[in-house]
N, C-alpha and C. Protein backbone atom coordinates (compact mmCIF):
# COMPACT_ATOMS: atom_id res chain seq x y z
N MET A 1 91.72 79.84 109.22
CA MET A 1 93.02 81.01 109.48
C MET A 1 94.14 80.44 108.60
N ILE A 2 95.11 80.77 107.72
CA ILE A 2 96.50 80.38 107.26
C ILE A 2 97.42 81.21 108.05
N ARG A 3 98.22 80.67 108.47
CA ARG A 3 99.49 81.19 109.65
C ARG A 3 100.70 80.88 108.69
N THR A 4 101.22 82.13 108.65
CA THR A 4 102.40 82.09 108.41
C THR A 4 103.32 81.76 109.34
N ILE A 5 104.52 81.04 109.41
CA ILE A 5 105.61 80.74 110.52
C ILE A 5 106.69 80.93 110.01
N SER A 6 107.35 81.85 111.08
CA SER A 6 108.88 81.90 110.66
C SER A 6 109.88 80.56 110.60
N PRO A 7 110.49 80.63 109.53
CA PRO A 7 111.52 79.51 109.90
C PRO A 7 112.39 79.54 110.97
N VAL A 8 112.82 81.06 111.25
CA VAL A 8 114.16 81.13 112.06
C VAL A 8 113.67 80.42 113.74
N ASP A 9 112.44 80.85 114.06
CA ASP A 9 111.95 80.50 115.41
C ASP A 9 110.88 79.77 115.49
N GLY A 10 110.10 79.46 114.71
CA GLY A 10 108.99 78.80 114.77
C GLY A 10 107.68 79.82 115.15
N SER A 11 107.76 81.01 115.48
CA SER A 11 106.70 81.84 115.87
C SER A 11 105.72 82.25 114.51
N VAL A 12 104.29 82.48 115.00
CA VAL A 12 103.30 82.88 114.16
C VAL A 12 103.91 84.36 113.50
N VAL A 13 104.34 84.39 112.44
CA VAL A 13 104.34 85.76 111.73
C VAL A 13 102.98 86.66 111.24
N LEU A 14 102.31 85.98 110.65
CA LEU A 14 100.73 86.20 110.28
C LEU A 14 99.81 85.34 109.79
N GLU A 15 98.55 85.96 110.26
CA GLU A 15 97.55 85.38 109.97
C GLU A 15 96.60 85.57 109.19
N ARG A 16 96.20 84.60 108.51
CA ARG A 16 94.99 85.61 107.46
C ARG A 16 93.83 84.47 107.49
N HIS A 17 92.78 85.47 107.11
CA HIS A 17 91.20 84.73 106.90
C HIS A 17 91.14 83.96 105.78
N ILE A 18 90.96 82.63 105.99
CA ILE A 18 90.40 81.70 104.61
C ILE A 18 88.81 82.17 104.30
N HIS A 19 88.64 82.54 103.00
CA HIS A 19 87.19 83.05 102.96
C HIS A 19 86.38 81.54 102.49
N THR A 20 85.12 81.47 102.84
CA THR A 20 84.46 80.53 102.80
C THR A 20 83.97 80.39 101.45
N PRO A 21 83.35 79.23 100.55
CA PRO A 21 83.03 79.29 99.49
C PRO A 21 81.68 80.19 98.93
N GLU A 22 80.97 80.54 100.14
CA GLU A 22 79.78 81.30 100.07
C GLU A 22 80.59 83.21 100.02
N GLU A 23 81.36 83.23 100.87
CA GLU A 23 82.14 84.40 100.51
C GLU A 23 82.91 84.69 99.58
N ILE A 24 83.63 83.51 98.90
CA ILE A 24 83.99 84.31 97.63
C ILE A 24 82.89 84.09 96.38
N THR A 25 81.74 83.76 96.54
CA THR A 25 80.53 83.61 95.80
C THR A 25 80.10 85.25 95.55
N SER A 26 79.89 85.38 97.15
CA SER A 26 79.61 87.05 97.13
C SER A 26 80.49 88.07 96.45
N ILE A 27 81.56 87.70 97.11
CA ILE A 27 82.78 88.50 96.29
C ILE A 27 82.66 88.81 95.15
N LEU A 28 82.93 87.56 94.12
CA LEU A 28 82.69 87.64 92.73
C LEU A 28 81.43 88.24 92.04
N ARG A 29 80.39 88.04 92.89
CA ARG A 29 78.83 88.64 92.57
C ARG A 29 79.10 90.22 92.49
N ASN A 30 79.60 90.44 93.51
CA ASN A 30 79.55 91.95 93.84
C ASN A 30 80.83 92.58 92.95
N ALA A 31 81.70 91.73 92.65
CA ALA A 31 82.77 92.39 91.54
C ALA A 31 82.24 92.33 90.22
N THR A 32 81.36 91.50 89.87
CA THR A 32 80.54 91.55 88.48
C THR A 32 79.54 92.59 88.44
N GLU A 33 78.80 92.71 89.42
CA GLU A 33 77.91 93.80 89.27
C GLU A 33 78.67 95.12 89.14
N ALA A 34 79.70 95.56 89.77
CA ALA A 34 80.34 96.47 89.92
C ALA A 34 81.17 96.73 88.56
N PHE A 35 81.54 95.91 87.90
CA PHE A 35 82.31 96.08 86.71
C PHE A 35 81.17 96.27 85.80
N LYS A 36 79.79 95.99 85.70
CA LYS A 36 78.86 95.99 84.93
C LYS A 36 78.71 97.58 84.87
N ALA A 37 78.46 98.44 86.02
CA ALA A 37 78.22 99.41 86.21
C ALA A 37 79.33 100.51 85.89
N HIS A 38 80.46 99.90 86.28
CA HIS A 38 82.17 100.96 86.06
C HIS A 38 82.16 101.06 84.50
N LYS A 39 81.76 99.86 83.81
CA LYS A 39 82.58 99.85 82.40
C LYS A 39 81.54 101.19 81.52
N HIS A 40 80.49 101.49 82.13
CA HIS A 40 79.78 102.50 81.52
C HIS A 40 80.22 103.92 81.89
N THR A 41 81.08 104.00 82.78
CA THR A 41 81.58 105.32 83.24
C THR A 41 82.90 106.04 82.10
N PRO A 42 82.55 107.08 82.04
CA PRO A 42 83.51 107.55 81.01
C PRO A 42 85.03 107.58 81.22
N LEU A 43 85.88 107.64 80.25
CA LEU A 43 87.28 107.32 80.40
C LEU A 43 87.77 108.48 81.21
N LYS A 44 87.80 109.64 81.04
CA LYS A 44 87.85 110.55 82.05
C LYS A 44 88.00 110.61 83.21
N ASP A 45 86.22 110.22 83.51
CA ASP A 45 85.92 109.90 85.15
C ASP A 45 86.82 108.63 85.51
N ARG A 46 87.04 107.65 85.04
CA ARG A 46 87.80 106.63 85.52
C ARG A 46 89.38 106.71 85.69
N ILE A 47 89.66 107.99 84.91
CA ILE A 47 91.18 108.45 85.43
C ILE A 47 90.86 109.46 86.24
N ALA A 48 90.17 109.96 86.27
CA ALA A 48 90.10 111.08 87.53
C ALA A 48 89.90 110.16 89.20
N ILE A 49 89.30 109.10 88.81
CA ILE A 49 89.23 108.13 90.05
C ILE A 49 90.55 107.44 90.26
N SER A 50 91.03 106.97 89.41
CA SER A 50 92.46 106.26 89.71
C SER A 50 93.51 107.25 90.16
N THR A 51 93.51 108.60 89.78
CA THR A 51 94.03 109.59 90.13
C THR A 51 94.36 110.26 91.59
N LYS A 52 93.14 109.98 92.06
CA LYS A 52 92.43 110.51 93.16
C LYS A 52 92.84 109.15 93.97
N PHE A 53 92.75 107.98 93.99
CA PHE A 53 93.36 106.80 94.46
C PHE A 53 94.97 107.01 94.62
N LEU A 54 95.47 107.30 93.79
CA LEU A 54 97.02 107.18 93.65
C LEU A 54 97.41 108.53 94.70
N ASP A 55 96.58 109.24 94.39
CA ASP A 55 97.19 110.65 95.17
C ASP A 55 97.06 110.43 96.71
N LEU A 56 95.86 109.62 97.32
CA LEU A 56 95.45 109.58 98.36
C LEU A 56 96.40 108.17 99.04
N LEU A 57 96.69 107.27 98.10
CA LEU A 57 97.80 106.50 98.34
C LEU A 57 99.13 106.85 98.90
N LEU A 58 99.53 107.84 98.03
CA LEU A 58 100.62 108.44 98.34
C LEU A 58 100.71 109.23 99.65
N GLU A 59 99.58 109.92 100.01
CA GLU A 59 99.30 110.66 101.14
C GLU A 59 99.44 110.07 102.24
N LYS A 60 99.10 108.53 102.36
CA LYS A 60 98.83 107.78 103.50
C LYS A 60 99.82 106.89 103.30
N LYS A 61 100.96 106.93 102.67
CA LYS A 61 101.89 105.68 102.28
C LYS A 61 102.61 105.54 103.64
N ASP A 62 102.72 106.74 104.66
CA ASP A 62 103.61 106.17 105.86
C ASP A 62 102.56 105.54 107.03
N VAL A 63 101.53 105.78 106.85
CA VAL A 63 100.36 105.17 107.88
C VAL A 63 100.35 103.73 107.11
N LEU A 64 100.46 103.38 105.84
CA LEU A 64 100.08 101.88 105.38
C LEU A 64 101.38 101.28 105.60
N VAL A 65 102.41 101.74 105.27
CA VAL A 65 103.77 101.07 105.54
C VAL A 65 103.80 100.76 107.10
N ARG A 66 103.39 101.48 108.09
CA ARG A 66 103.56 101.35 109.55
C ARG A 66 102.26 100.03 109.81
N ALA A 67 101.35 100.08 109.02
CA ALA A 67 100.31 99.25 109.06
C ALA A 67 100.84 97.87 108.74
N ALA A 68 101.42 97.93 107.44
CA ALA A 68 101.99 96.44 107.05
C ALA A 68 103.02 95.89 107.95
N LEU A 69 103.92 96.53 108.50
CA LEU A 69 105.03 96.21 109.39
C LEU A 69 104.53 95.76 110.62
N LYS A 70 103.50 96.12 110.90
CA LYS A 70 102.78 96.05 112.32
C LYS A 70 102.36 94.34 112.26
N HIS A 71 102.09 94.20 110.87
CA HIS A 71 101.49 92.69 110.81
C HIS A 71 102.56 91.74 110.58
N ASP A 72 103.77 92.32 110.00
CA ASP A 72 104.96 91.16 109.69
C ASP A 72 105.59 90.72 110.72
């Protein structure tokens, strides 16, 4: 775990998981395989996917902000 410590009072503000070398290798392998498939997706489909993602992000922005603030 990596801990972010507040300089104000020394309390732990946030804790983050440290990935093992094996986890990093797996993550990179999965990303590489996903890219190989995704690069063949037509541009119009990639734009539609990105647009849908942005729409969902905007739709859920309040929930995401609250979740982020809860971890700060």
